[in-house]
Amino acid sequence: MRWFVFHVFLLSGLSIFAQPRYEKLLFDLHFGFVKGGEAVFLIKDTVVGNNGEIHAVLHGYTTGLADWFYSVNDRFESIICEENDLPKKSLKQLKEQKYRFYNEVTFDHEAEKAYSKVSGWHDVESGICDLSSLLYHLRFSGKLEGLLLGQIIEIPFWDTDEWYTLELKYTGLDKVQTPMGHVECIRLEPQHVSGRFFNRRNPMNVWITNDHQKVPVLMELNFSIGTVRCILREVPSS
């Protein structure tokens, strides 16, 4: 369940829109016809020391029957540098049933180092992002512009005291029903998804509006026993 919730949060918020001051995306998680949870992605300007920075928060939690069967309340935060759109510091707090996890990580991009309060120093790749900063970085990096069919987007990614290269494959454009009406969207398929519960031929699909805002509107997780959908509930607010 922890792996599933992580990927729902990760893939349901792949990017955000321009000139952030105070912006919010709200999502519903559906298991078949039943709503099972919600996710909120919020960004706002902040000041750390004398420097203007960006504070990104991703909060996901179960609701209703899903909360009764398996309670989840996870929170991810990043302090992002305005100059390069990369994280300076991240916070991760997980509350899943009786499981608890908390950690803070600082990033030194010039030295290609990360310091975790849990496990100490790590060598990392330049341009690495954690979960919340990834949602912000993709929008301003230009990685979602001018994609060619079949192109793979690669991003060094930090999670739970290790890092790996996240790969997203561009598989075309689709019209998707959204709170803004039918919108043309970029379809991405994460690569190398493992686990016996997933449909191996097409484990996941993600749809992001093909415009200047790059708003994530829909994600499908295709399990062997059915599909879980993450749906944008409200249009971006500011």
C-alpha atoms as a PDB file:
ATOM      1  CA  MET A   1       0.000   0.000   0.000  1.00  0.00           C
ATOM      2  CA  ARG A   2       2.823   2.409   0.796  1.00  0.00           C
ATOM      3  CA  TRP A   3       4.319   1.882  -2.686  1.00  0.00           C
ATOM      4  CA  PHE A   4       0.886   2.418  -4.266  1.00  0.00           C
ATOM      5  CA  VAL A   5       0.138   5.646  -2.370  1.00  0.00           C
ATOM      6  CA  PHE A   6       3.588   7.019  -3.210  1.00  0.00           C
ATOM      7  CA  HIS A   7       3.069   6.491  -6.944  1.00  0.00           C
ATOM      8  CA  VAL A   8      -0.437   7.933  -6.862  1.00  0.00           C
ATOM      9  CA  PHE A   9       0.943  11.114  -5.323  1.00  0.00           C
ATOM     10  CA  LEU A  10       3.925  11.152  -7.621  1.00  0.00           C
ATOM     11  CA  LEU A  11       2.084  10.641 -10.889  1.00  0.00           C
ATOM     12  CA  SER A  12      -1.054  12.594 -10.102  1.00  0.00           C
ATOM     13  CA  GLY A  13       0.923  15.820  -9.806  1.00  0.00           C
ATOM     14  CA  LEU A  14       3.596  15.728 -12.449  1.00  0.00           C
ATOM     15  CA  SER A  15       3.555  19.484 -13.090  1.00  0.00           C
ATOM     16  CA  ILE A  16       1.986  22.819 -12.172  1.00  0.00           C
ATOM     17  CA  PHE A  17       1.340  26.153 -13.771  1.00  0.00           C
ATOM     18  CA  ALA A  18       3.250  29.375 -14.256  1.00  0.00           C
ATOM     19  CA  GLN A  19       4.197  32.166 -11.831  1.00  0.00           C
ATOM     20  CA  PRO A  20       3.309  30.496  -8.515  1.00  0.00           C
ATOM     21  CA  ARG A  21       2.210  32.584  -5.550  1.00  0.00           C
ATOM     22  CA  TYR A  22      -0.457  30.475  -3.887  1.00  0.00           C
ATOM     23  CA  GLU A  23      -1.819  27.619  -5.988  1.00  0.00           C
ATOM     24  CA  LYS A  24      -3.655  24.398  -5.277  1.00  0.00           C
ATOM     25  CA  LEU A  25      -4.643  21.193  -7.075  1.00  0.00           C
ATOM     26  CA  LEU A  26      -7.258  18.878  -5.543  1.00  0.00           C
ATOM     27  CA  PHE A  27      -7.668  15.215  -6.557  1.00  0.00           C
ATOM     28  CA  ASP A  28     -10.058  12.370  -5.763  1.00  0.00           C
ATOM     29  CA  LEU A  29      -8.879   8.745  -5.731  1.00  0.00           C
ATOM     30  CA  HIS A  30     -11.439   6.226  -6.996  1.00  0.00           C
ATOM     31  CA  PHE A  31     -11.402   2.447  -6.554  1.00  0.00           C
ATOM     32  CA  GLY A  32     -13.949   1.407  -9.162  1.00  0.00           C
ATOM     33  CA  PHE A  33     -17.056   3.491  -8.400  1.00  0.00           C
ATOM     34  CA  VAL A  34     -16.011   4.142  -4.791  1.00  0.00           C
ATOM     35  CA  LYS A  35     -14.061   7.190  -3.679  1.00  0.00           C
ATOM     36  CA  GLY A  36     -11.164   6.013  -1.485  1.00  0.00           C
ATOM     37  CA  GLY A  37      -9.018   9.063  -0.814  1.00  0.00           C
ATOM     38  CA  GLU A  38      -7.917  12.580  -1.667  1.00  0.00           C
ATOM     39  CA  ALA A  39      -4.667  14.335  -2.557  1.00  0.00           C
ATOM     40  CA  VAL A  40      -3.788  18.041  -2.339  1.00  0.00           C
ATOM     41  CA  PHE A  41      -0.803  19.718  -3.975  1.00  0.00           C
ATOM     42  CA  LEU A  42      -0.071  23.267  -2.786  1.00  0.00           C
ATOM     43  CA  ILE A  43       2.704  25.738  -3.613  1.00  0.00           C
ATOM     44  CA  LYS A  44       3.391  29.174  -2.178  1.00  0.00           C
ATOM     45  CA  ASP A  45       6.183  31.694  -1.879  1.00  0.00           C
ATOM     46  CA  THR A  46       8.182  31.660   1.337  1.00  0.00           C
ATOM     47  CA  VAL A  47      11.315  33.223   2.849  1.00  0.00           C
ATOM     48  CA  VAL A  48      14.173  31.164   4.308  1.00  0.00           C
ATOM     49  CA  GLY A  49      16.738  33.368   6.006  1.00  0.00           C
ATOM     50  CA  ASN A  50      16.907  36.362   3.695  1.00  0.00           C
ATOM     51  CA  ASN A  51      16.209  34.373   0.537  1.00  0.00           C
ATOM     52  CA  GLY A  52      12.935  34.086  -1.330  1.00  0.00           C
ATOM     53  CA  GLU A  53      12.129  30.417  -1.917  1.00  0.00           C
ATOM     54  CA  ILE A  54       9.190  28.258  -2.962  1.00  0.00           C
ATOM     55  CA  HIS A  55       7.398  25.950  -0.540  1.00  0.00           C
ATOM     56  CA  ALA A  56       5.709  22.900  -2.117  1.00  0.00           C
ATOM     57  CA  VAL A  57       3.431  20.610  -0.101  1.00  0.00           C
ATOM     58  CA  LEU A  58       1.873  17.313  -1.192  1.00  0.00           C
ATOM     59  CA  HIS A  59      -0.661  15.774   1.208  1.00  0.00           C
ATOM     60  CA  GLY A  60      -2.462  12.485   0.551  1.00  0.00           C
ATOM     61  CA  TYR A  61      -4.945  10.646   2.756  1.00  0.00           C
ATOM     62  CA  THR A  62      -7.626   7.966   2.679  1.00  0.00           C
ATOM     63  CA  THR A  63     -11.323   8.673   3.240  1.00  0.00           C
ATOM     64  CA  GLY A  64     -14.492   6.696   3.972  1.00  0.00           C
ATOM     65  CA  LEU A  65     -14.279   2.902   3.933  1.00  0.00           C
ATOM     66  CA  ALA A  66     -10.704   2.962   2.641  1.00  0.00           C
ATOM     67  CA  ASP A  67      -9.670   4.928   5.725  1.00  0.00           C
ATOM     68  CA  TRP A  68     -11.387   2.391   7.955  1.00  0.00           C
ATOM     69  CA  PHE A  69      -9.657  -0.570   6.275  1.00  0.00           C
ATOM     70  CA  TYR A  70      -6.215   1.016   5.803  1.00  0.00           C
ATOM     71  CA  SER A  71      -5.673   4.528   7.142  1.00  0.00           C
ATOM     72  CA  VAL A  72      -3.095   6.630   5.251  1.00  0.00           C
ATOM     73  CA  ASN A  73      -2.040  10.218   5.973  1.00  0.00           C
ATOM     74  CA  ASP A  74       1.201  11.069   4.141  1.00  0.00           C
ATOM     75  CA  ARG A  75       2.835  14.478   3.756  1.00  0.00           C
ATOM     76  CA  PHE A  76       5.761  15.568   1.562  1.00  0.00           C
ATOM     77  CA  GLU A  77       7.305  19.055   1.577  1.00  0.00           C
ATOM     78  CA  SER A  78      10.109  20.770  -0.342  1.00  0.00           C
ATOM     79  CA  ILE A  79      11.908  24.094  -0.113  1.00  0.00           C
ATOM     80  CA  ILE A  80      12.819  24.933  -3.713  1.00  0.00           C
ATOM     81  CA  CYS A  81      15.403  27.420  -4.960  1.00  0.00           C
ATOM     82  CA  GLU A  82      13.871  30.063  -7.252  1.00  0.00           C
ATOM     83  CA  GLU A  83      17.075  30.334  -9.284  1.00  0.00           C
ATOM     84  CA  ASN A  84      17.274  26.722 -10.527  1.00  0.00           C
ATOM     85  CA  ASP A  85      13.872  25.201  -9.544  1.00  0.00           C
ATOM     86  CA  LEU A  86      15.642  22.438  -7.579  1.00  0.00           C
ATOM     87  CA  PRO A  87      15.140  21.375  -3.957  1.00  0.00           C
ATOM     88  CA  LYS A  88      17.299  22.656  -1.117  1.00  0.00           C
ATOM     89  CA  LYS A  89      15.511  20.662   1.556  1.00  0.00           C
ATOM     90  CA  SER A  90      12.799  18.021   1.752  1.00  0.00           C
ATOM     91  CA  LEU A  91      10.583  16.620   4.477  1.00  0.00           C
ATOM     92  CA  LYS A  92       8.760  13.301   4.415  1.00  0.00           C
ATOM     93  CA  GLN A  93       6.212  12.196   7.011  1.00  0.00           C
ATOM     94  CA  LEU A  94       4.288   8.932   6.622  1.00  0.00           C
ATOM     95  CA  LYS A  95       1.407   7.710   8.775  1.00  0.00           C
ATOM     96  CA  GLU A  96       0.015   4.436   7.449  1.00  0.00           C
ATOM     97  CA  GLN A  97      -1.902   2.290   9.924  1.00  0.00           C
ATOM     98  CA  LYS A  98       0.631   1.820  12.754  1.00  0.00           C
ATOM     99  CA  TYR A  99       3.625   2.573  10.526  1.00  0.00           C
ATOM    100  CA  ARG A 100       5.400   5.902  11.130  1.00  0.00           C
ATOM    101  CA  PHE A 101       8.313   7.462   9.236  1.00  0.00           C
ATOM    102  CA  TYR A 102       9.858  10.945   9.390  1.00  0.00           C
ATOM    103  CA  ASN A 103      12.959  12.323   7.708  1.00  0.00           C
ATOM    104  CA  GLU A 104      14.543  15.568   6.527  1.00  0.00           C
ATOM    105  CA  VAL A 105      17.040  15.715   3.658  1.00  0.00           C
ATOM    106  CA  THR A 106      19.199  18.625   2.453  1.00  0.00           C
ATOM    107  CA  PHE A 107      20.661  18.748  -1.073  1.00  0.00           C
ATOM    108  CA  ASP A 108      23.966  20.208  -2.276  1.00  0.00           C
ATOM    109  CA  HIS A 109      23.607  20.224  -6.052  1.00  0.00           C
ATOM    110  CA  GLU A 110      27.071  21.616  -6.819  1.00  0.00           C
ATOM    111  CA  ALA A 111      28.810  18.911  -4.763  1.00  0.00           C
ATOM    112  CA  GLU A 112      26.294  16.261  -5.896  1.00  0.00           C
ATOM    113  CA  LYS A 113      25.619  15.296  -2.284  1.00  0.00           C
ATOM    114  CA  ALA A 114      22.525  14.757  -0.129  1.00  0.00           C
ATOM    115  CA  TYR A 115      22.402  14.604   3.668  1.00  0.00           C
ATOM    116  CA  SER A 116      19.676  12.518   5.307  1.00  0.00           C
ATOM    117  CA  LYS A 117      18.985  12.823   9.038  1.00  0.00           C
ATOM    118  CA  VAL A 118      18.211   9.097   9.002  1.00  0.00           C
ATOM    119  CA  SER A 119      21.184   7.708   7.056  1.00  0.00           C
ATOM    120  CA  GLY A 120      23.807  10.468   6.637  1.00  0.00           C
ATOM    121  CA  TRP A 121      25.615  11.517   3.454  1.00  0.00           C
ATOM    122  CA  HIS A 122      24.878  10.130  -0.027  1.00  0.00           C
ATOM    123  CA  ASP A 123      26.411  10.681  -3.469  1.00  0.00           C
ATOM    124  CA  VAL A 124      23.675  11.758  -5.897  1.00  0.00           C
ATOM    125  CA  GLU A 125      23.354  12.911  -9.508  1.00  0.00           C
ATOM    126  CA  SER A 126      23.178  16.567 -10.513  1.00  0.00           C
ATOM    127  CA  GLY A 127      19.615  17.886 -10.865  1.00  0.00           C
ATOM    128  CA  ILE A 128      18.097  15.394  -8.450  1.00  0.00           C
ATOM    129  CA  CYS A 129      14.543  16.040  -7.223  1.00  0.00           C
ATOM    130  CA  ASP A 130      12.503  14.702  -4.360  1.00  0.00           C
ATOM    131  CA  LEU A 131       8.765  14.095  -4.641  1.00  0.00           C
ATOM    132  CA  SER A 132       7.339  17.575  -4.046  1.00  0.00           C
ATOM    133  CA  SER A 133      10.070  19.426  -5.970  1.00  0.00           C
ATOM    134  CA  LEU A 134       9.637  17.076  -8.941  1.00  0.00           C
ATOM    135  CA  LEU A 135       6.081  18.319  -9.343  1.00  0.00           C
ATOM    136  CA  TYR A 136       7.374  21.878  -9.556  1.00  0.00           C
ATOM    137  CA  HIS A 137      10.562  21.226 -11.549  1.00  0.00           C
ATOM    138  CA  LEU A 138       8.920  19.503 -14.508  1.00  0.00           C
ATOM    139  CA  ARG A 139       6.844  22.558 -15.319  1.00  0.00           C
ATOM    140  CA  PHE A 140       9.776  24.973 -15.519  1.00  0.00           C
ATOM    141  CA  SER A 141      12.414  22.606 -16.896  1.00  0.00           C
ATOM    142  CA  GLY A 142      10.729  22.440 -20.292  1.00  0.00           C
ATOM    143  CA  LYS A 143      10.918  18.638 -20.242  1.00  0.00           C
ATOM    144  CA  LEU A 144       7.260  18.381 -21.305  1.00  0.00           C
ATOM    145  CA  GLU A 145       7.684  20.661 -24.346  1.00  0.00           C
ATOM    146  CA  GLY A 146       8.243  19.463 -27.916  1.00  0.00           C
ATOM    147  CA  LEU A 147       8.059  15.768 -27.073  1.00  0.00           C
ATOM    148  CA  LEU A 148       8.507  13.174 -29.837  1.00  0.00           C
ATOM    149  CA  LEU A 149       6.362  10.033 -29.882  1.00  0.00           C
ATOM    150  CA  GLY A 150       8.106   7.341 -27.835  1.00  0.00           C
ATOM    151  CA  GLN A 151      10.530   9.807 -26.202  1.00  0.00           C
ATOM    152  CA  ILE A 152      11.748   8.929 -22.691  1.00  0.00           C
ATOM    153  CA  ILE A 153      12.031  11.686 -20.070  1.00  0.00           C
ATOM    154  CA  GLU A 154      14.723  10.854 -17.490  1.00  0.00           C
ATOM    155  CA  ILE A 155      14.944  12.584 -14.100  1.00  0.00           C
ATOM    156  CA  PRO A 156      17.191  11.643 -11.130  1.00  0.00           C
ATOM    157  CA  PHE A 157      14.817  11.056  -8.226  1.00  0.00           C
ATOM    158  CA  TRP A 158      15.302  10.754  -4.453  1.00  0.00           C
ATOM    159  CA  ASP A 159      13.078   8.602  -2.255  1.00  0.00           C
ATOM    160  CA  THR A 160      13.567   7.043   1.199  1.00  0.00           C
ATOM    161  CA  ASP A 161      17.351   7.367   1.407  1.00  0.00           C
ATOM    162  CA  GLU A 162      18.167   6.209  -2.111  1.00  0.00           C
ATOM    163  CA  TRP A 163      17.933   7.568  -5.634  1.00  0.00           C
ATOM    164  CA  TYR A 164      17.254   6.204  -9.104  1.00  0.00           C
ATOM    165  CA  THR A 165      16.489   7.487 -12.591  1.00  0.00           C
ATOM    166  CA  LEU A 166      12.773   8.047 -13.103  1.00  0.00           C
ATOM    167  CA  GLU A 167      11.707   7.305 -16.699  1.00  0.00           C
ATOM    168  CA  LEU A 168       8.495   8.589 -18.300  1.00  0.00           C
ATOM    169  CA  LYS A 169       7.572   7.600 -21.884  1.00  0.00           C
ATOM    170  CA  TYR A 170       5.527   9.940 -24.093  1.00  0.00           C
ATOM    171  CA  THR A 171       2.910   7.827 -25.917  1.00  0.00           C
ATOM    172  CA  GLY A 172       0.754  10.438 -27.671  1.00  0.00           C
ATOM    173  CA  LEU A 173      -2.125  12.922 -27.271  1.00  0.00           C
ATOM    174  CA  ASP A 174      -5.683  12.191 -26.058  1.00  0.00           C
ATOM    175  CA  LYS A 175      -8.844  14.209 -25.461  1.00  0.00           C
ATOM    176  CA  VAL A 176      -9.768  13.884 -21.767  1.00  0.00           C
ATOM    177  CA  GLN A 177     -12.855  15.057 -19.865  1.00  0.00           C
ATOM    178  CA  THR A 178     -11.755  17.499 -17.129  1.00  0.00           C
ATOM    179  CA  PRO A 179     -13.351  20.203 -14.928  1.00  0.00           C
ATOM    180  CA  MET A 180     -12.342  22.577 -17.761  1.00  0.00           C
ATOM    181  CA  GLY A 181     -14.236  20.483 -20.356  1.00  0.00           C
ATOM    182  CA  HIS A 182     -12.638  18.179 -22.950  1.00  0.00           C
ATOM    183  CA  VAL A 183      -8.940  19.044 -23.107  1.00  0.00           C
ATOM    184  CA  GLU A 184      -6.064  17.761 -25.254  1.00  0.00           C
ATOM    185  CA  CYS A 185      -3.615  15.981 -22.956  1.00  0.00           C
ATOM    186  CA  ILE A 186      -0.134  14.504 -23.108  1.00  0.00           C
ATOM    187  CA  ARG A 187      -0.181  10.805 -22.197  1.00  0.00           C
ATOM    188  CA  LEU A 188       2.826   9.455 -20.263  1.00  0.00           C
ATOM    189  CA  GLU A 189       3.604   5.873 -19.274  1.00  0.00           C
ATOM    190  CA  PRO A 190       6.085   5.327 -16.404  1.00  0.00           C
ATOM    191  CA  GLN A 191       8.598   2.633 -17.314  1.00  0.00           C
ATOM    192  CA  HIS A 192       9.904  -0.381 -15.366  1.00  0.00           C
ATOM    193  CA  VAL A 193       6.939  -0.618 -13.003  1.00  0.00           C
ATOM    194  CA  SER A 194       7.268  -3.840 -11.025  1.00  0.00           C
ATOM    195  CA  GLY A 195       4.959  -5.824  -8.786  1.00  0.00           C
ATOM    196  CA  ARG A 196       2.801  -8.880  -9.300  1.00  0.00           C
ATOM    197  CA  PHE A 197      -0.451  -6.919  -8.844  1.00  0.00           C
ATOM    198  CA  PHE A 198       0.022  -4.720 -11.931  1.00  0.00           C
ATOM    199  CA  ASN A 199      -1.027  -5.406 -15.500  1.00  0.00           C
ATOM    200  CA  ARG A 200       2.464  -5.761 -16.965  1.00  0.00           C
ATOM    201  CA  ARG A 201       1.470  -4.777 -20.516  1.00  0.00           C
ATOM    202  CA  ASN A 202       0.090  -1.377 -19.443  1.00  0.00           C
ATOM    203  CA  PRO A 203       0.545  -0.793 -15.682  1.00  0.00           C
ATOM    204  CA  MET A 204      -0.007   2.996 -15.616  1.00  0.00           C
ATOM    205  CA  ASN A 205      -1.139   5.948 -17.717  1.00  0.00           C
ATOM    206  CA  VAL A 206      -0.919   9.663 -16.857  1.00  0.00           C
ATOM    207  CA  TRP A 207      -2.622  12.563 -18.661  1.00  0.00           C
ATOM    208  CA  ILE A 208      -1.356  16.183 -18.474  1.00  0.00           C
ATOM    209  CA  THR A 209      -2.902  19.125 -20.347  1.00  0.00           C
ATOM    210  CA  ASN A 210      -1.029  19.974 -23.543  1.00  0.00           C
ATOM    211  CA  ASP A 211      -0.900  23.731 -22.896  1.00  0.00           C
ATOM    212  CA  HIS A 212       1.222  26.281 -21.036  1.00  0.00           C
ATOM    213  CA  GLN A 213      -0.201  25.227 -17.657  1.00  0.00           C
ATOM    214  CA  LYS A 214       0.614  21.488 -17.937  1.00  0.00           C
ATOM    215  CA  VAL A 215      -2.058  20.544 -15.391  1.00  0.00           C
ATOM    216  CA  PRO A 216      -2.257  16.828 -14.443  1.00  0.00           C
ATOM    217  CA  VAL A 217      -5.898  15.787 -14.801  1.00  0.00           C
ATOM    218  CA  LEU A 218      -6.057  11.987 -14.732  1.00  0.00           C
ATOM    219  CA  MET A 219      -4.051   8.900 -13.839  1.00  0.00           C
ATOM    220  CA  GLU A 220      -4.934   5.234 -14.128  1.00  0.00           C
ATOM    221  CA  LEU A 221      -3.257   2.418 -12.211  1.00  0.00           C
ATOM    222  CA  ASN A 222      -4.069  -0.837 -13.985  1.00  0.00           C
ATOM    223  CA  PHE A 223      -3.985  -3.771 -11.565  1.00  0.00           C
ATOM    224  CA  SER A 224      -4.684  -7.390 -12.457  1.00  0.00           C
ATOM    225  CA  ILE A 225      -7.938  -7.115 -10.459  1.00  0.00           C
ATOM    226  CA  GLY A 226      -9.059  -3.700 -11.724  1.00  0.00           C
ATOM    227  CA  THR A 227      -8.222  -0.023 -12.235  1.00  0.00           C
ATOM    228  CA  VAL A 228      -7.669   2.784  -9.722  1.00  0.00           C
ATOM    229  CA  ARG A 229      -8.200   6.335 -11.021  1.00  0.00           C
ATOM    230  CA  CYS A 230      -6.811   9.612  -9.687  1.00  0.00           C
ATOM    231  CA  ILE A 231      -9.039  12.447 -10.960  1.00  0.00           C
ATOM    232  CA  LEU A 232      -8.619  16.222 -10.796  1.00  0.00           C
ATOM    233  CA  ARG A 233     -11.593  17.517  -8.799  1.00  0.00           C
ATOM    234  CA  GLU A 234     -11.130  21.276  -9.173  1.00  0.00           C
ATOM    235  CA  VAL A 235      -9.373  23.550 -11.619  1.00  0.00           C
ATOM    236  CA  PRO A 236      -6.196  25.271 -10.350  1.00  0.00           C
ATOM    237  CA  SER A 237      -6.912  28.027  -7.829  1.00  0.00           C
ATOM    238  CA  SER A 238      -4.726  30.974  -6.858  1.00  0.00           C
END
